[in-house]
Amino acid sequence: MHIELLKAVRDIIPEETEVIILGDGEFDGVKWLQEIDSYGWYFACRTAKNSVLYEKGERFIFKDICPEKGETTEINNVEFTDKRSLTVRAVVYWGIRRTNLSNNQRINRW
């Protein structure tokens, strides 16, 4: 279903348009990301901390990347998932969740 959505959107976007797809964990499948890549579009999606990556043949997971609190770590040209059929830039950020709620609203909500 996701790929049909991509194809429908592609049909209405002018070719010269720069497109960036943002997605949550539901949108981190390799076929989905390969389809986006095949259109020449960009993507950024959240994924699970146990998603598999390979750098120079070495297997690791996002959880193994430990930036300092408030910092970001990026690793370019890593293969995503055990299928190793998609090369991505892995970005890990350790920080507070961003919200537009006040502290009181956050406390009441949780």
C-alpha atoms as a PDB file:
ATOM      1  CA  MET A   1       0.000   0.000   0.000  1.00  0.00           C
ATOM      2  CA  HIS A   2       2.806   2.454   0.819  1.00  0.00           C
ATOM      3  CA  ILE A   3       4.439   2.013  -2.579  1.00  0.00           C
ATOM      4  CA  GLU A   4       1.140   2.615  -4.387  1.00  0.00           C
ATOM      5  CA  LEU A   5       0.867   5.856  -2.415  1.00  0.00           C
ATOM      6  CA  LEU A   6       4.362   6.869  -3.550  1.00  0.00           C
ATOM      7  CA  LYS A   7       3.506   6.162  -7.167  1.00  0.00           C
ATOM      8  CA  ALA A   8       0.298   8.197  -6.934  1.00  0.00           C
ATOM      9  CA  VAL A   9       2.158  11.142  -5.396  1.00  0.00           C
ATOM     10  CA  ARG A  10       4.955  10.888  -7.969  1.00  0.00           C
ATOM     11  CA  ASP A  11       2.406  11.204 -10.761  1.00  0.00           C
ATOM     12  CA  ILE A  12       1.237  14.618  -9.521  1.00  0.00           C
ATOM     13  CA  ILE A  13       4.611  16.159  -8.573  1.00  0.00           C
ATOM     14  CA  PRO A  14       6.528  17.957 -11.351  1.00  0.00           C
ATOM     15  CA  GLU A  15       9.772  16.121 -12.221  1.00  0.00           C
ATOM     16  CA  GLU A  16      12.062  19.016 -11.341  1.00  0.00           C
ATOM     17  CA  THR A  17      10.654  19.283  -7.800  1.00  0.00           C
ATOM     18  CA  GLU A  18      13.005  18.427  -4.934  1.00  0.00           C
ATOM     19  CA  VAL A  19      11.147  15.968  -2.708  1.00  0.00           C
ATOM     20  CA  ILE A  20      11.994  14.939   0.845  1.00  0.00           C
ATOM     21  CA  ILE A  21       9.917  12.173   2.446  1.00  0.00           C
ATOM     22  CA  LEU A  22       9.757  12.185   6.251  1.00  0.00           C
ATOM     23  CA  GLY A  23       8.541   9.085   8.010  1.00  0.00           C
ATOM     24  CA  ASP A  24       8.213   7.372  11.330  1.00  0.00           C
ATOM     25  CA  GLY A  25       9.278   3.785  12.029  1.00  0.00           C
ATOM     26  CA  GLU A  26       6.439   2.372   9.971  1.00  0.00           C
ATOM     27  CA  PHE A  27       8.140   3.837   6.908  1.00  0.00           C
ATOM     28  CA  ASP A  28      11.640   2.360   7.265  1.00  0.00           C
ATOM     29  CA  GLY A  29      11.187  -0.700   5.030  1.00  0.00           C
ATOM     30  CA  VAL A  30      13.908  -1.318   2.468  1.00  0.00           C
ATOM     31  CA  LYS A  31      11.551  -1.642  -0.528  1.00  0.00           C
ATOM     32  CA  TRP A  32       9.829   1.631   0.417  1.00  0.00           C
ATOM     33  CA  LEU A  33      13.140   3.465   0.784  1.00  0.00           C
ATOM     34  CA  GLN A  34      14.533   1.979  -2.438  1.00  0.00           C
ATOM     35  CA  GLU A  35      11.434   3.167  -4.301  1.00  0.00           C
ATOM     36  CA  ILE A  36      11.927   6.695  -2.969  1.00  0.00           C
ATOM     37  CA  ASP A  37      15.597   6.555  -3.906  1.00  0.00           C
ATOM     38  CA  SER A  38      14.767   5.332  -7.422  1.00  0.00           C
ATOM     39  CA  TYR A  39      12.756   8.546  -7.992  1.00  0.00           C
ATOM     40  CA  GLY A  40      15.768  10.664  -7.047  1.00  0.00           C
ATOM     41  CA  TRP A  41      13.948  11.821  -3.923  1.00  0.00           C
ATOM     42  CA  TYR A  42      15.420  12.161  -0.448  1.00  0.00           C
ATOM     43  CA  PHE A  43      14.155  10.558   2.736  1.00  0.00           C
ATOM     44  CA  ALA A  44      14.569  10.783   6.493  1.00  0.00           C
ATOM     45  CA  CYS A  45      12.853   8.298   8.734  1.00  0.00           C
ATOM     46  CA  ARG A  46      12.970   7.210  12.296  1.00  0.00           C
ATOM     47  CA  THR A  47      13.772   3.571  12.907  1.00  0.00           C
ATOM     48  CA  ALA A  48      14.149   1.160  15.800  1.00  0.00           C
ATOM     49  CA  LYS A  49      17.237   1.198  17.988  1.00  0.00           C
ATOM     50  CA  ASN A  50      17.800  -2.449  17.072  1.00  0.00           C
ATOM     51  CA  SER A  51      17.786  -1.854  13.292  1.00  0.00           C
ATOM     52  CA  VAL A  52      20.825  -3.488  11.700  1.00  0.00           C
ATOM     53  CA  LEU A  53      23.587  -1.568   9.939  1.00  0.00           C
ATOM     54  CA  TYR A  54      26.856  -2.590   8.298  1.00  0.00           C
ATOM     55  CA  GLU A  55      29.955  -0.448   7.974  1.00  0.00           C
ATOM     56  CA  LYS A  56      32.838  -1.968   5.995  1.00  0.00           C
ATOM     57  CA  GLY A  57      31.361  -5.423   6.580  1.00  0.00           C
ATOM     58  CA  GLU A  58      30.986  -4.976  10.347  1.00  0.00           C
ATOM     59  CA  ARG A  59      27.458  -5.533  11.672  1.00  0.00           C
ATOM     60  CA  PHE A  60      26.059  -3.291  14.414  1.00  0.00           C
ATOM     61  CA  ILE A  61      22.769  -1.756  15.537  1.00  0.00           C
ATOM     62  CA  PHE A  62      21.753   1.828  16.226  1.00  0.00           C
ATOM     63  CA  LYS A  63      21.831   1.153  19.956  1.00  0.00           C
ATOM     64  CA  ASP A  64      25.595   0.547  19.644  1.00  0.00           C
ATOM     65  CA  ILE A  65      26.107   4.158  18.548  1.00  0.00           C
ATOM     66  CA  CYS A  66      26.293   6.190  21.741  1.00  0.00           C
ATOM     67  CA  PRO A  67      26.672   9.939  21.320  1.00  0.00           C
ATOM     68  CA  GLU A  68      27.053  12.132  24.392  1.00  0.00           C
ATOM     69  CA  LYS A  69      23.810  13.572  25.777  1.00  0.00           C
ATOM     70  CA  GLY A  70      22.646  16.415  23.547  1.00  0.00           C
ATOM     71  CA  GLU A  71      25.003  15.335  20.750  1.00  0.00           C
ATOM     72  CA  THR A  72      24.531  13.780  17.320  1.00  0.00           C
ATOM     73  CA  THR A  73      26.558  11.025  15.668  1.00  0.00           C
ATOM     74  CA  GLU A  74      26.445  10.459  11.905  1.00  0.00           C
ATOM     75  CA  ILE A  75      27.907   7.575   9.924  1.00  0.00           C
ATOM     76  CA  ASN A  76      27.859   7.896   6.139  1.00  0.00           C
ATOM     77  CA  ASN A  77      27.581   5.061   3.635  1.00  0.00           C
ATOM     78  CA  VAL A  78      26.312   2.278   5.873  1.00  0.00           C
ATOM     79  CA  GLU A  79      24.235  -0.617   4.612  1.00  0.00           C
ATOM     80  CA  PHE A  80      20.761  -0.803   6.141  1.00  0.00           C
ATOM     81  CA  THR A  81      19.285  -4.095   7.441  1.00  0.00           C
ATOM     82  CA  ASP A  82      20.686  -7.603   7.083  1.00  0.00           C
ATOM     83  CA  LYS A  83      19.672  -7.503   3.410  1.00  0.00           C
ATOM     84  CA  ARG A  84      22.396  -4.860   2.908  1.00  0.00           C
ATOM     85  CA  SER A  85      20.635  -3.666  -0.244  1.00  0.00           C
ATOM     86  CA  LEU A  86      20.389   0.039   0.631  1.00  0.00           C
ATOM     87  CA  THR A  87      23.148   2.463   1.594  1.00  0.00           C
ATOM     88  CA  VAL A  88      22.149   5.247   3.985  1.00  0.00           C
ATOM     89  CA  ARG A  89      23.539   7.856   6.335  1.00  0.00           C
ATOM     90  CA  ALA A  90      22.820   6.778   9.917  1.00  0.00           C
ATOM     91  CA  VAL A  91      22.132   9.605  12.365  1.00  0.00           C
ATOM     92  CA  VAL A  92      21.717   9.098  16.113  1.00  0.00           C
ATOM     93  CA  TYR A  93      20.661  11.949  18.393  1.00  0.00           C
ATOM     94  CA  TRP A  94      20.474  11.709  22.170  1.00  0.00           C
ATOM     95  CA  GLY A  95      18.353  14.495  23.522  1.00  0.00           C
ATOM     96  CA  ILE A  96      15.036  15.490  24.937  1.00  0.00           C
ATOM     97  CA  ARG A  97      11.890  15.097  22.930  1.00  0.00           C
ATOM     98  CA  ARG A  98      10.865  18.302  21.243  1.00  0.00           C
ATOM     99  CA  THR A  99       7.339  19.518  21.819  1.00  0.00           C
ATOM    100  CA  ASN A 100       5.341  22.706  21.728  1.00  0.00           C
ATOM    101  CA  LEU A 101       3.635  21.830  25.037  1.00  0.00           C
ATOM    102  CA  SER A 102       4.516  23.728  28.211  1.00  0.00           C
ATOM    103  CA  ASN A 103       6.112  21.791  31.096  1.00  0.00           C
ATOM    104  CA  ASN A 104       2.764  21.689  32.933  1.00  0.00           C
ATOM    105  CA  GLN A 105       0.976  20.327  29.860  1.00  0.00           C
ATOM    106  CA  ARG A 106       3.690  17.663  29.431  1.00  0.00           C
ATOM    107  CA  ILE A 107       3.409  16.555  33.050  1.00  0.00           C
ATOM    108  CA  ASN A 108      -0.372  16.335  32.860  1.00  0.00           C
ATOM    109  CA  ARG A 109      -0.249  14.444  29.603  1.00  0.00           C
ATOM    110  CA  TRP A 110       2.173  11.778  30.863  1.00  0.00           C
END
